[in-house]
Amino acid sequence: MRPVDLQPIGDELAIKWDDGSESFVKFEKLRRHCPCAGCKGEMDIMGNLYKNPDKPLTPAAFQLKRLAMVGGYAVQPLWGDGHGTGLFAFDYLRQVAESK
């Protein structure tokens, strides 16, 4: 599953998928599902999760400044607060888009 078009519209990311379906994801939801190690954490070989302490997100954290394609497998958003280390693999992006 790959996006064929990604467009920010208002406070949402509109995604057209290669199967013809479309998704609309609020920027806040996308940011709160950031998969980077700083946001989601990392597991060691023993299965212990290491994660930064939760910090409150400012309104700038939900402002999409740029969306870059990474190879042929992911997109990388840059947020208004400067955060930009999350790589959303296409399958994970679809999962977030379809989640409640």
PDB file of N, CA and C in Angstrom:
ATOM      1  N   MET A   1       0.844  -1.172   0.000  1.00  0.00           N
ATOM      2  CA  MET A   1       0.000   0.000   0.000  1.00  0.00           C
ATOM      3  C   MET A   1       0.896   1.244   0.000  1.00  0.00           C
ATOM      4  N   ARG A   2       0.693   2.090  -0.986  1.00  0.00           N
ATOM      5  CA  ARG A   2       1.500   3.304  -1.104  1.00  0.00           C
ATOM      6  C   ARG A   2       0.592   4.501  -1.359  1.00  0.00           C
ATOM      7  N   PRO A   3       0.949   5.648  -0.796  1.00  0.00           N
ATOM      8  CA  PRO A   3       0.202   6.859  -1.145  1.00  0.00           C
ATOM      9  C   PRO A   3       0.641   7.348  -2.525  1.00  0.00           C
ATOM     10  N   VAL A   4      -0.322   7.778  -3.309  1.00  0.00           N
ATOM     11  CA  VAL A   4       0.001   8.350  -4.615  1.00  0.00           C
ATOM     12  C   VAL A   4      -0.097   9.870  -4.575  1.00  0.00           C
ATOM     13  N   ASP A   5      -0.759  10.400  -3.532  1.00  0.00           N
ATOM     14  CA  ASP A   5      -0.858  11.850  -3.361  1.00  0.00           C
ATOM     15  C   ASP A   5      -1.059  12.157  -1.885  1.00  0.00           C
ATOM     16  N   LEU A   6      -0.338  13.159  -1.402  1.00  0.00           N
ATOM     17  CA  LEU A   6      -0.443  13.632  -0.015  1.00  0.00           C
ATOM     18  C   LEU A   6      -0.617  15.141  -0.066  1.00  0.00           C
ATOM     19  N   GLN A   7      -1.691  15.632   0.547  1.00  0.00           N
ATOM     20  CA  GLN A   7      -1.956  17.066   0.536  1.00  0.00           C
ATOM     21  C   GLN A   7      -2.434  17.529   1.902  1.00  0.00           C
ATOM     22  N   PRO A   8      -1.784  18.546   2.479  1.00  0.00           N
ATOM     23  CA  PRO A   8      -2.342  19.140   3.696  1.00  0.00           C
ATOM     24  C   PRO A   8      -3.554  19.986   3.323  1.00  0.00           C
ATOM     25  N   ILE A   9      -4.657  19.755   4.024  1.00  0.00           N
ATOM     26  CA  ILE A   9      -5.887  20.521   3.806  1.00  0.00           C
ATOM     27  C   ILE A   9      -6.404  20.937   5.168  1.00  0.00           C
ATOM     28  N   GLY A  10      -6.333  22.233   5.458  1.00  0.00           N
ATOM     29  CA  GLY A  10      -6.752  22.714   6.770  1.00  0.00           C
ATOM     30  C   GLY A  10      -5.873  22.109   7.846  1.00  0.00           C
ATOM     31  N   ASP A  11      -6.486  21.376   8.773  1.00  0.00           N
ATOM     32  CA  ASP A  11      -5.732  20.744   9.862  1.00  0.00           C
ATOM     33  C   ASP A  11      -5.632  19.230   9.674  1.00  0.00           C
ATOM     34  N   GLU A  12      -5.726  18.787   8.411  1.00  0.00           N
ATOM     35  CA  GLU A  12      -5.674  17.365   8.101  1.00  0.00           C
ATOM     36  C   GLU A  12      -4.692  17.083   6.966  1.00  0.00           C
ATOM     37  N   LEU A  13      -4.236  15.840   6.932  1.00  0.00           N
ATOM     38  CA  LEU A  13      -3.457  15.350   5.810  1.00  0.00           C
ATOM     39  C   LEU A  13      -4.376  14.452   4.983  1.00  0.00           C
ATOM     40  N   ALA A  14      -4.586  14.833   3.724  1.00  0.00           N
ATOM     41  CA  ALA A  14      -5.385  14.029   2.809  1.00  0.00           C
ATOM     42  C   ALA A  14      -4.439  13.083   2.073  1.00  0.00           C
ATOM     43  N   ILE A  15      -4.795  11.810   2.072  1.00  0.00           N
ATOM     44  CA  ILE A  15      -3.951  10.788   1.459  1.00  0.00           C
ATOM     45  C   ILE A  15      -4.777  10.013   0.437  1.00  0.00           C
ATOM     46  N   LYS A  16      -4.279   9.965  -0.795  1.00  0.00           N
ATOM     47  CA  LYS A  16      -4.885   9.094  -1.804  1.00  0.00           C
ATOM     48  C   LYS A  16      -3.960   7.905  -1.961  1.00  0.00           C
ATOM     49  N   TRP A  17      -4.514   6.707  -1.759  1.00  0.00           N
ATOM     50  CA  TRP A  17      -3.739   5.463  -1.795  1.00  0.00           C
ATOM     51  C   TRP A  17      -3.781   4.838  -3.178  1.00  0.00           C
ATOM     52  N   ASP A  18      -2.809   3.980  -3.462  1.00  0.00           N
ATOM     53  CA  ASP A  18      -2.716   3.366  -4.783  1.00  0.00           C
ATOM     54  C   ASP A  18      -3.840   2.372  -5.086  1.00  0.00           C
ATOM     55  N   ASP A  19      -4.659   2.029  -4.079  1.00  0.00           N
ATOM     56  CA  ASP A  19      -5.821   1.182  -4.337  1.00  0.00           C
ATOM     57  C   ASP A  19      -7.073   2.006  -4.639  1.00  0.00           C
ATOM     58  N   GLY A  20      -6.902   3.350  -4.709  1.00  0.00           N
ATOM     59  CA  GLY A  20      -8.015   4.240  -5.023  1.00  0.00           C
ATOM     60  C   GLY A  20      -8.730   4.796  -3.808  1.00  0.00           C
ATOM     61  N   SER A  21      -8.443   4.279  -2.623  1.00  0.00           N
ATOM     62  CA  SER A  21      -9.093   4.776  -1.411  1.00  0.00           C
ATOM     63  C   SER A  21      -8.434   6.070  -0.942  1.00  0.00           C
ATOM     64  N   GLU A  22      -9.125   6.779  -0.062  1.00  0.00           N
ATOM     65  CA  GLU A  22      -8.618   8.029   0.494  1.00  0.00           C
ATOM     66  C   GLU A  22      -8.725   8.007   2.005  1.00  0.00           C
ATOM     67  N   SER A  23      -7.792   8.700   2.657  1.00  0.00           N
ATOM     68  CA  SER A  23      -7.805   8.850   4.106  1.00  0.00           C
ATOM     69  C   SER A  23      -7.597  10.317   4.438  1.00  0.00           C
ATOM     70  N   PHE A  24      -8.155  10.722   5.566  1.00  0.00           N
ATOM     71  CA  PHE A  24      -7.959  12.074   6.085  1.00  0.00           C
ATOM     72  C   PHE A  24      -7.547  11.936   7.545  1.00  0.00           C
ATOM     73  N   VAL A  25      -6.363  12.448   7.868  1.00  0.00           N
ATOM     74  CA  VAL A  25      -5.815  12.296   9.215  1.00  0.00           C
ATOM     75  C   VAL A  25      -5.555  13.680   9.797  1.00  0.00           C
ATOM     76  N   LYS A  26      -6.141  13.945  10.959  1.00  0.00           N
ATOM     77  CA  LYS A  26      -5.877  15.213  11.655  1.00  0.00           C
ATOM     78  C   LYS A  26      -4.393  15.290  12.005  1.00  0.00           C
ATOM     79  N   PHE A  27      -3.820  16.475  11.880  1.00  0.00           N
ATOM     80  CA  PHE A  27      -2.407  16.663  12.216  1.00  0.00           C
ATOM     81  C   PHE A  27      -2.130  16.269  13.662  1.00  0.00           C
ATOM     82  N   GLU A  28      -3.049  16.605  14.563  1.00  0.00           N
ATOM     83  CA  GLU A  28      -2.837  16.257  15.972  1.00  0.00           C
ATOM     84  C   GLU A  28      -2.716  14.748  16.145  1.00  0.00           C
ATOM     85  N   LYS A  29      -3.572  13.990  15.490  1.00  0.00           N
ATOM     86  CA  LYS A  29      -3.512  12.528  15.577  1.00  0.00           C
ATOM     87  C   LYS A  29      -2.184  12.015  15.015  1.00  0.00           C
ATOM     88  N   LEU A  30      -1.772  12.569  13.890  1.00  0.00           N
ATOM     89  CA  LEU A  30      -0.518  12.154  13.273  1.00  0.00           C
ATOM     90  C   LEU A  30       0.654  12.409  14.215  1.00  0.00           C
ATOM     91  N   ARG A  31       0.682  13.598  14.811  1.00  0.00           N
ATOM     92  CA  ARG A  31       1.784  13.940  15.719  1.00  0.00           C
ATOM     93  C   ARG A  31       1.773  13.045  16.966  1.00  0.00           C
ATOM     94  N   ARG A  32       0.599  12.783  17.501  1.00  0.00           N
ATOM     95  CA  ARG A  32       0.515  11.957  18.709  1.00  0.00           C
ATOM     96  C   ARG A  32       0.879  10.499  18.447  1.00  0.00           C
ATOM     97  N   HIS A  33       0.906  10.098  17.188  1.00  0.00           N
ATOM     98  CA  HIS A  33       1.314   8.745  16.813  1.00  0.00           C
ATOM     99  C   HIS A  33       2.728   8.716  16.235  1.00  0.00           C
ATOM    100  N   CYS A  34       3.511   9.734  16.518  1.00  0.00           N
ATOM    101  CA  CYS A  34       4.879   9.791  16.003  1.00  0.00           C
ATOM    102  C   CYS A  34       5.635   8.526  16.417  1.00  0.00           C
ATOM    103  N   PRO A  35       6.226   7.828  15.444  1.00  0.00           N
ATOM    104  CA  PRO A  35       6.904   6.570  15.755  1.00  0.00           C
ATOM    105  C   PRO A  35       8.379   6.707  16.138  1.00  0.00           C
ATOM    106  N   CYS A  36       8.891   7.904  16.281  1.00  0.00           N
ATOM    107  CA  CYS A  36      10.319   8.052  16.570  1.00  0.00           C
ATOM    108  C   CYS A  36      10.639   7.527  17.976  1.00  0.00           C
ATOM    109  N   ALA A  37      11.899   7.225  18.194  1.00  0.00           N
ATOM    110  CA  ALA A  37      12.333   6.674  19.478  1.00  0.00           C
ATOM    111  C   ALA A  37      12.084   7.646  20.626  1.00  0.00           C
ATOM    112  N   GLY A  38      12.204   8.937  20.386  1.00  0.00           N
ATOM    113  CA  GLY A  38      11.980   9.919  21.436  1.00  0.00           C
ATOM    114  C   GLY A  38      10.525   9.977  21.881  1.00  0.00           C
ATOM    115  N   CYS A  39       9.599   9.751  20.943  1.00  0.00           N
ATOM    116  CA  CYS A  39       8.172   9.814  21.276  1.00  0.00           C
ATOM    117  C   CYS A  39       7.612   8.460  21.701  1.00  0.00           C
ATOM    118  N   LYS A  40       7.935   7.445  20.951  1.00  0.00           N
ATOM    119  CA  LYS A  40       7.355   6.124  21.193  1.00  0.00           C
ATOM    120  C   LYS A  40       8.228   5.252  22.089  1.00  0.00           C
ATOM    121  N   GLY A  41       9.518   5.542  22.118  1.00  0.00           N
ATOM    122  CA  GLY A  41      10.447   4.760  22.924  1.00  0.00           C
ATOM    123  C   GLY A  41      11.162   3.704  22.107  1.00  0.00           C
ATOM    124  N   GLU A  42      12.107   3.046  22.762  1.00  0.00           N
ATOM    125  CA  GLU A  42      12.880   1.973  22.139  1.00  0.00           C
ATOM    126  C   GLU A  42      12.931   0.792  23.092  1.00  0.00           C
ATOM    127  N   MET A  43      12.954  -0.412  22.517  1.00  0.00           N
ATOM    128  CA  MET A  43      13.084  -1.614  23.339  1.00  0.00           C
ATOM    129  C   MET A  43      14.494  -2.173  23.205  1.00  0.00           C
ATOM    130  N   ASP A  44      15.009  -2.644  24.334  1.00  0.00           N
ATOM    131  CA  ASP A  44      16.302  -3.315  24.285  1.00  0.00           C
ATOM    132  C   ASP A  44      16.079  -4.796  23.958  1.00  0.00           C
ATOM    133  N   ILE A  45      17.136  -5.530  23.895  1.00  0.00           N
ATOM    134  CA  ILE A  45      17.070  -6.942  23.528  1.00  0.00           C
ATOM    135  C   ILE A  45      16.268  -7.787  24.530  1.00  0.00           C
ATOM    136  N   MET A  46      16.146  -7.290  25.764  1.00  0.00           N
ATOM    137  CA  MET A  46      15.392  -8.003  26.794  1.00  0.00           C
ATOM    138  C   MET A  46      13.909  -7.616  26.807  1.00  0.00           C
ATOM    139  N   GLY A  47      13.526  -6.680  25.932  1.00  0.00           N
ATOM    140  CA  GLY A  47      12.132  -6.259  25.866  1.00  0.00           C
ATOM    141  C   GLY A  47      11.780  -5.116  26.791  1.00  0.00           C
ATOM    142  N   ASN A  48      12.783  -4.475  27.413  1.00  0.00           N
ATOM    143  CA  ASN A  48      12.534  -3.318  28.274  1.00  0.00           C
ATOM    144  C   ASN A  48      12.348  -2.079  27.416  1.00  0.00           C
ATOM    145  N   LEU A  49      11.299  -1.326  27.684  1.00  0.00           N
ATOM    146  CA  LEU A  49      11.006  -0.114  26.929  1.00  0.00           C
ATOM    147  C   LEU A  49      11.673   1.087  27.593  1.00  0.00           C
ATOM    148  N   TYR A  50      12.404   1.844  26.804  1.00  0.00           N
ATOM    149  CA  TYR A  50      13.031   3.078  27.268  1.00  0.00           C
ATOM    150  C   TYR A  50      12.404   4.220  26.492  1.00  0.00           C
ATOM    151  N   LYS A  51      11.894   5.203  27.241  1.00  0.00           N
ATOM    152  CA  LYS A  51      11.150   6.292  26.620  1.00  0.00           C
ATOM    153  C   LYS A  51      11.447   7.584  27.347  1.00  0.00           C
ATOM    154  N   ASN A  52      11.487   8.671  26.578  1.00  0.00           N
ATOM    155  CA  ASN A  52      11.627   9.991  27.197  1.00  0.00           C
ATOM    156  C   ASN A  52      10.398  10.278  28.048  1.00  0.00           C
ATOM    157  N   PRO A  53      10.535  11.108  29.075  1.00  0.00           N
ATOM    158  CA  PRO A  53       9.352  11.504  29.841  1.00  0.00           C
ATOM    159  C   PRO A  53       8.363  12.237  28.928  1.00  0.00           C
ATOM    160  N   ASP A  54       7.093  12.017  29.177  1.00  0.00           N
ATOM    161  CA  ASP A  54       6.075  12.730  28.401  1.00  0.00           C
ATOM    162  C   ASP A  54       6.178  14.214  28.675  1.00  0.00           C
ATOM    163  N   LYS A  55       6.031  15.003  27.630  1.00  0.00           N
ATOM    164  CA  LYS A  55       6.033  16.450  27.802  1.00  0.00           C
ATOM    165  C   LYS A  55       4.809  17.015  27.093  1.00  0.00           C
ATOM    166  N   PRO A  56       4.261  18.081  27.622  1.00  0.00           N
ATOM    167  CA  PRO A  56       3.085  18.663  26.975  1.00  0.00           C
ATOM    168  C   PRO A  56       3.456  19.209  25.598  1.00  0.00           C
ATOM    169  N   LEU A  57       2.547  19.043  24.658  1.00  0.00           N
ATOM    170  CA  LEU A  57       2.761  19.548  23.311  1.00  0.00           C
ATOM    171  C   LEU A  57       2.059  20.893  23.156  1.00  0.00           C
ATOM    172  N   THR A  58       2.763  21.847  22.598  1.00  0.00           N
ATOM    173  CA  THR A  58       2.204  23.172  22.357  1.00  0.00           C
ATOM    174  C   THR A  58       1.379  23.149  21.074  1.00  0.00           C
ATOM    175  N   PRO A  59       0.579  24.168  20.823  1.00  0.00           N
ATOM    176  CA  PRO A  59      -0.166  24.221  19.555  1.00  0.00           C
ATOM    177  C   PRO A  59       0.746  24.133  18.328  1.00  0.00           C
ATOM    178  N   ALA A  60       1.985  24.628  18.420  1.00  0.00           N
ATOM    179  CA  ALA A  60       2.921  24.550  17.296  1.00  0.00           C
ATOM    180  C   ALA A  60       3.258  23.104  16.950  1.00  0.00           C
ATOM    181  N   ALA A  61       3.153  22.208  17.930  1.00  0.00           N
ATOM    182  CA  ALA A  61       3.462  20.801  17.703  1.00  0.00           C
ATOM    183  C   ALA A  61       2.509  20.154  16.705  1.00  0.00           C
ATOM    184  N   PHE A  62       1.366  20.766  16.464  1.00  0.00           N
ATOM    185  CA  PHE A  62       0.359  20.207  15.562  1.00  0.00           C
ATOM    186  C   PHE A  62       0.265  20.976  14.245  1.00  0.00           C
ATOM    187  N   GLN A  63       1.245  21.842  13.994  1.00  0.00           N
ATOM    188  CA  GLN A  63       1.287  22.586  12.735  1.00  0.00           C
ATOM    189  C   GLN A  63       2.286  21.905  11.802  1.00  0.00           C
ATOM    190  N   LEU A  64       1.789  21.372  10.709  1.00  0.00           N
ATOM    191  CA  LEU A  64       2.650  20.701   9.745  1.00  0.00           C
ATOM    192  C   LEU A  64       3.357  21.752   8.895  1.00  0.00           C
ATOM    193  N   LYS A  65       4.677  21.753   8.928  1.00  0.00           N
ATOM    194  CA  LYS A  65       5.468  22.713   8.158  1.00  0.00           C
ATOM    195  C   LYS A  65       5.917  22.134   6.828  1.00  0.00           C
ATOM    196  N   ARG A  66       6.246  20.836   6.829  1.00  0.00           N
ATOM    197  CA  ARG A  66       6.748  20.207   5.611  1.00  0.00           C
ATOM    198  C   ARG A  66       6.523  18.712   5.719  1.00  0.00           C
ATOM    199  N   LEU A  67       6.369  18.079   4.572  1.00  0.00           N
ATOM    200  CA  LEU A  67       6.222  16.629   4.516  1.00  0.00           C
ATOM    201  C   LEU A  67       7.153  16.130   3.420  1.00  0.00           C
ATOM    202  N   ALA A  68       8.136  15.328   3.784  1.00  0.00           N
ATOM    203  CA  ALA A  68       9.124  14.848   2.826  1.00  0.00           C
ATOM    204  C   ALA A  68       8.974  13.349   2.615  1.00  0.00           C
ATOM    205  N   MET A  69       9.144  12.917   1.379  1.00  0.00           N
ATOM    206  CA  MET A  69       9.175  11.489   1.069  1.00  0.00           C
ATOM    207  C   MET A  69      10.550  10.953   1.454  1.00  0.00           C
ATOM    208  N   VAL A  70      10.582   9.759   2.021  1.00  0.00           N
ATOM    209  CA  VAL A  70      11.837   9.108   2.391  1.00  0.00           C
ATOM    210  C   VAL A  70      11.909   7.814   1.592  1.00  0.00           C
ATOM    211  N   GLY A  71      12.800   7.800   0.620  1.00  0.00           N
ATOM    212  CA  GLY A  71      12.900   6.629  -0.243  1.00  0.00           C
ATOM    213  C   GLY A  71      11.548   6.304  -0.844  1.00  0.00           C
ATOM    214  N   GLY A  72      11.267   5.045  -0.983  1.00  0.00           N
ATOM    215  CA  GLY A  72       9.974   4.612  -1.495  1.00  0.00           C
ATOM    216  C   GLY A  72       9.154   3.922  -0.444  1.00  0.00           C
ATOM    217  N   TYR A  73       9.388   4.309   0.842  1.00  0.00           N
ATOM    218  CA  TYR A  73       8.722   3.548   1.910  1.00  0.00           C
ATOM    219  C   TYR A  73       8.116   4.386   3.030  1.00  0.00           C
ATOM    220  N   ALA A  74       8.400   5.692   3.107  1.00  0.00           N
ATOM    221  CA  ALA A  74       7.937   6.464   4.269  1.00  0.00           C
ATOM    222  C   ALA A  74       7.799   7.947   3.941  1.00  0.00           C
ATOM    223  N   VAL A  75       7.120   8.650   4.850  1.00  0.00           N
ATOM    224  CA  VAL A  75       7.063  10.109   4.823  1.00  0.00           C
ATOM    225  C   VAL A  75       7.573  10.625   6.164  1.00  0.00           C
ATOM    226  N   GLN A  76       8.157  11.817   6.130  1.00  0.00           N
ATOM    227  CA  GLN A  76       8.730  12.420   7.333  1.00  0.00           C
ATOM    228  C   GLN A  76       8.172  13.832   7.493  1.00  0.00           C
ATOM    229  N   PRO A  77       7.283  14.024   8.471  1.00  0.00           N
ATOM    230  CA  PRO A  77       6.759  15.365   8.714  1.00  0.00           C
ATOM    231  C   PRO A  77       7.730  16.214   9.537  1.00  0.00           C
ATOM    232  N   LEU A  78       7.712  17.497   9.273  1.00  0.00           N
ATOM    233  CA  LEU A  78       8.400  18.474  10.110  1.00  0.00           C
ATOM    234  C   LEU A  78       7.315  19.333  10.726  1.00  0.00           C
ATOM    235  N   TRP A  79       7.325  19.430  12.051  1.00  0.00           N
ATOM    236  CA  TRP A  79       6.283  20.127  12.798  1.00  0.00           C
ATOM    237  C   TRP A  79       6.722  21.525  13.194  1.00  0.00           C
ATOM    238  N   GLY A  80       5.766  22.358  13.529  1.00  0.00           N
ATOM    239  CA  GLY A  80       6.011  23.752  13.882  1.00  0.00           C
ATOM    240  C   GLY A  80       6.899  23.952  15.092  1.00  0.00           C
ATOM    241  N   ASP A  81       7.013  22.950  15.951  1.00  0.00           N
ATOM    242  CA  ASP A  81       7.889  23.064  17.124  1.00  0.00           C
ATOM    243  C   ASP A  81       9.299  22.549  16.833  1.00  0.00           C
ATOM    244  N   GLY A  82       9.576  22.203  15.563  1.00  0.00           N
ATOM    245  CA  GLY A  82      10.901  21.762  15.165  1.00  0.00           C
ATOM    246  C   GLY A  82      11.095  20.257  15.178  1.00  0.00           C
ATOM    247  N   HIS A  83      10.125  19.501  15.679  1.00  0.00           N
ATOM    248  CA  HIS A  83      10.253  18.042  15.724  1.00  0.00           C
ATOM    249  C   HIS A  83      10.145  17.488  14.308  1.00  0.00           C
ATOM    250  N   GLY A  84      11.077  16.609  13.948  1.00  0.00           N
ATOM    251  CA  GLY A  84      11.045  16.062  12.602  1.00  0.00           C
ATOM    252  C   GLY A  84      11.744  14.728  12.464  1.00  0.00           C
ATOM    253  N   THR A  85      11.840  13.951  13.525  1.00  0.00           N
ATOM    254  CA  THR A  85      12.572  12.684  13.453  1.00  0.00           C
ATOM    255  C   THR A  85      11.682  11.468  13.219  1.00  0.00           C
ATOM    256  N   GLY A  86      10.385  11.654  13.148  1.00  0.00           N
ATOM    257  CA  GLY A  86       9.487  10.514  12.953  1.00  0.00           C
ATOM    258  C   GLY A  86       9.358  10.134  11.493  1.00  0.00           C
ATOM    259  N   LEU A  87       9.638   8.879  11.184  1.00  0.00           N
ATOM    260  CA  LEU A  87       9.439   8.342   9.837  1.00  0.00           C
ATOM    261  C   LEU A  87       8.191   7.468   9.853  1.00  0.00           C
ATOM    262  N   PHE A  88       7.200   7.867   9.092  1.00  0.00           N
ATOM    263  CA  PHE A  88       5.954   7.111   9.007  1.00  0.00           C
ATOM    264  C   PHE A  88       6.027   6.199   7.790  1.00  0.00           C
ATOM    265  N   ALA A  89       6.381   4.923   8.015  1.00  0.00           N
ATOM    266  CA  ALA A  89       6.344   3.945   6.930  1.00  0.00           C
ATOM    267  C   ALA A  89       4.916   3.917   6.392  1.00  0.00           C
ATOM    268  N   PHE A  90       4.773   3.653   5.104  1.00  0.00           N
ATOM    269  CA  PHE A  90       3.449   3.724   4.490  1.00  0.00           C
ATOM    270  C   PHE A  90       2.427   2.820   5.178  1.00  0.00           C
ATOM    271  N   ASP A  91       2.825   1.621   5.570  1.00  0.00           N
ATOM    272  CA  ASP A  91       1.870   0.735   6.242  1.00  0.00           C
ATOM    273  C   ASP A  91       1.470   1.284   7.610  1.00  0.00           C
ATOM    274  N   TYR A  92       2.417   1.911   8.323  1.00  0.00           N
ATOM    275  CA  TYR A  92       2.080   2.518   9.619  1.00  0.00           C
ATOM    276  C   TYR A  92       1.188   3.745   9.411  1.00  0.00           C
ATOM    277  N   LEU A  93       1.465   4.544   8.388  1.00  0.00           N
ATOM    278  CA  LEU A  93       0.633   5.707   8.087  1.00  0.00           C
ATOM    279  C   LEU A  93      -0.806   5.265   7.813  1.00  0.00           C
ATOM    280  N   ARG A  94      -0.972   4.190   7.070  1.00  0.00           N
ATOM    281  CA  ARG A  94      -2.316   3.671   6.788  1.00  0.00           C
ATOM    282  C   ARG A  94      -2.983   3.187   8.064  1.00  0.00           C
ATOM    283  N   GLN A  95      -2.209   2.524   8.921  1.00  0.00           N
ATOM    284  CA  GLN A  95      -2.740   2.036  10.202  1.00  0.00           C
ATOM    285  C   GLN A  95      -3.226   3.196  11.055  1.00  0.00           C
ATOM    286  N   VAL A  96      -2.431   4.268  11.146  1.00  0.00           N
ATOM    287  CA  VAL A  96      -2.826   5.447  11.924  1.00  0.00           C
ATOM    288  C   VAL A  96      -4.076   6.079  11.294  1.00  0.00           C
ATOM    289  N   ALA A  97      -4.094   6.176   9.995  1.00  0.00           N
ATOM    290  CA  ALA A  97      -5.238   6.793   9.303  1.00  0.00           C
ATOM    291  C   ALA A  97      -6.532   6.026   9.576  1.00  0.00           C
ATOM    292  N   GLU A  98      -6.457   4.718   9.666  1.00  0.00           N
ATOM    293  CA  GLU A  98      -7.651   3.904   9.846  1.00  0.00           C
ATOM    294  C   GLU A  98      -8.038   3.679  11.301  1.00  0.00           C
ATOM    295  N   SER A  99      -7.166   4.047  12.231  1.00  0.00           N
ATOM    296  CA  SER A  99      -7.463   3.838  13.645  1.00  0.00           C
ATOM    297  C   SER A  99      -8.454   4.875  14.159  1.00  0.00           C
ATOM    298  N   LYS A 100      -9.158   4.529  15.209  1.00  0.00           N
ATOM    299  CA  LYS A 100     -10.139   5.449  15.818  1.00  0.00           C
ATOM    300  C   LYS A 100      -9.483   6.396  16.768  1.00  0.00           C
TER     301      LYS A 100
END
